[in-house]
Amino acid sequence: MKKGVLSGFLIFLAFMAVCTVIAKGIYKAGLARVSICHPEKMSISHRIHGVGSIVPGQEYGIYTAAGLRVQAVFVQAGEKVEAGAPLFAVDMQDLQEQIQEAQAQADYLQAQIKDLEGTGKEQGQAKEIQAARLQADYDLLVHEQDLLIEACELAEDSARLRMKDAQKQVKEGTVESDLEAKLLKVEYERAQNATEQARFHKEEVLREWNRSLEDAQRKAYEEAAQTVRLRGELASEKLKLEQLNTLEEAQGIVSTAEDSLILGSLLEIGQRTPDGACIFYTALDDAGEIEVPLGEEDAAMLSMGESVNLQFKTAIGETKKETGIISYIGQENGRKLLRIETEATGMLPGQTVSMDTVYKSETYRMVLPLGALTEDNTGVSVVYVVEQCEGILGTEERVRKIPVTVLERNESYAAVESVGLDENSEVVRSSSKVLQEDDVVRVQ
């Protein structure tokens, strides 16, 4: 009997244990499953990305005599060349032919100038005699006209005196009629007109004489101007001849005088050199600067002298990765602007360049994965911390909500501070359900 009761009691205990395990399993299956992490001591990294363009420096041109046939071109846009490097070559046979033509033209101009100067002395002497004669003629003409005017003025004065005398007699009543006074007044007015006509005639005669003198001077000026023009053409031809001879001494090869970045070329093989610059370049120490606009926050993380990564495509479509140094950070046109210097080759002005770099913050005492942060209904950042406590089924894990202050964050982590956290806190990183204060959870 006792054995039967004991066996039944043991069976009951086993049944109750099984039920407890089953109930506990069902209870835990309904709990939120969470993963946890601990605050770490680390810095926050920020990836800074910007897209800018290459800004050319001062542009210069390579000049040579126009009309030379191009035999070869050794450079292309975007290429960096050292001082003395060949840029292009011209056809030597064509160059020598042009030297002969330039020399013949210079000799022809020199002969023309010599002819003009040879006759110039004789013409100069004749002009001096002619000028003396013209001056004598002018003086005689002025004297003749002045005599005519003086005679008219004398006649005018005589008529005026007679008129005044007749008018006086009429006024005093010594004559019975004023007819003579009126006739004398008419004579005086005619004398006045004659004087005016004489003065006007003098002006007309002198004006006509001056026109003749100007025509003679203009002819002399045109002859002198022709000599000046020929001298200018000769100087230009000699300069061209000097350039051609220098180019011949260089075997028809045009080189750069300084380290340069080639910006562009107007040359084509088989074609002739243009009248003007044929290759454009900028000094190498003034080339390769890149301008990148950035936001205020990103720009604030960078410093001058810092190295950044660059990526761009060359003129042939090849993607290149290089490095550059930040040389300037400033505010321009209402935006933050970076200028970056680089020694990279293959860049063209105006070309798009991508910039990337990573900024690391100071080391923070507590850094959590960004997924561990959430916001309560008031907008305050909070985390949930798992703590062990006793429940009806034994030891349980409950969560406690702790408000935190976010010091800095990136796309993956956030640096926080809170009086309720330390490096040993078990912070919920992820949860299968939305958590509330004091929720019992199941840690995975």
Foldseek 3Di string as FASTA:
>chain_A
DVVVVVVVVVVVVVVVVVVLVVVVVVVQVPFWEFAWDFFAWFWAKAKDKFKWFWAFFDKDFDDADWFFAWAFADDFAQFWDFAPDFGTFTDLVSLVVVLVVLVVLLVVLVVVLVVLVVCVVVVVVVVVVVVVVLVVVVVVLLVVLVVQLVVLVVQLVVLVVVLVVLVVCVVVVVDDDSVVSVVSVVSNVVSVVSNVVSVVVSVVVVVVSVVVVVVVVVVVVVSVVVSVVSVVVSVVSVVNSVSSVVCVVVVRTDTHRGTWRWAHAQDDHRGIAHDDGGTMIHHPVRTAKIKTWDAPVSLVLDDFQDKKKKWFAAPVGDIDIFIWTWHDWDADPRTIMTITHGPDTRGYGGGMMMIIDMGIDDTAQTKDWPQQWDADPVRFIWWWFWDWDQDPSGIFIWIAIFTWDFPDHHPTMTHIDGPPHHRPTTTGNDIPDDDDHGRTHHYD
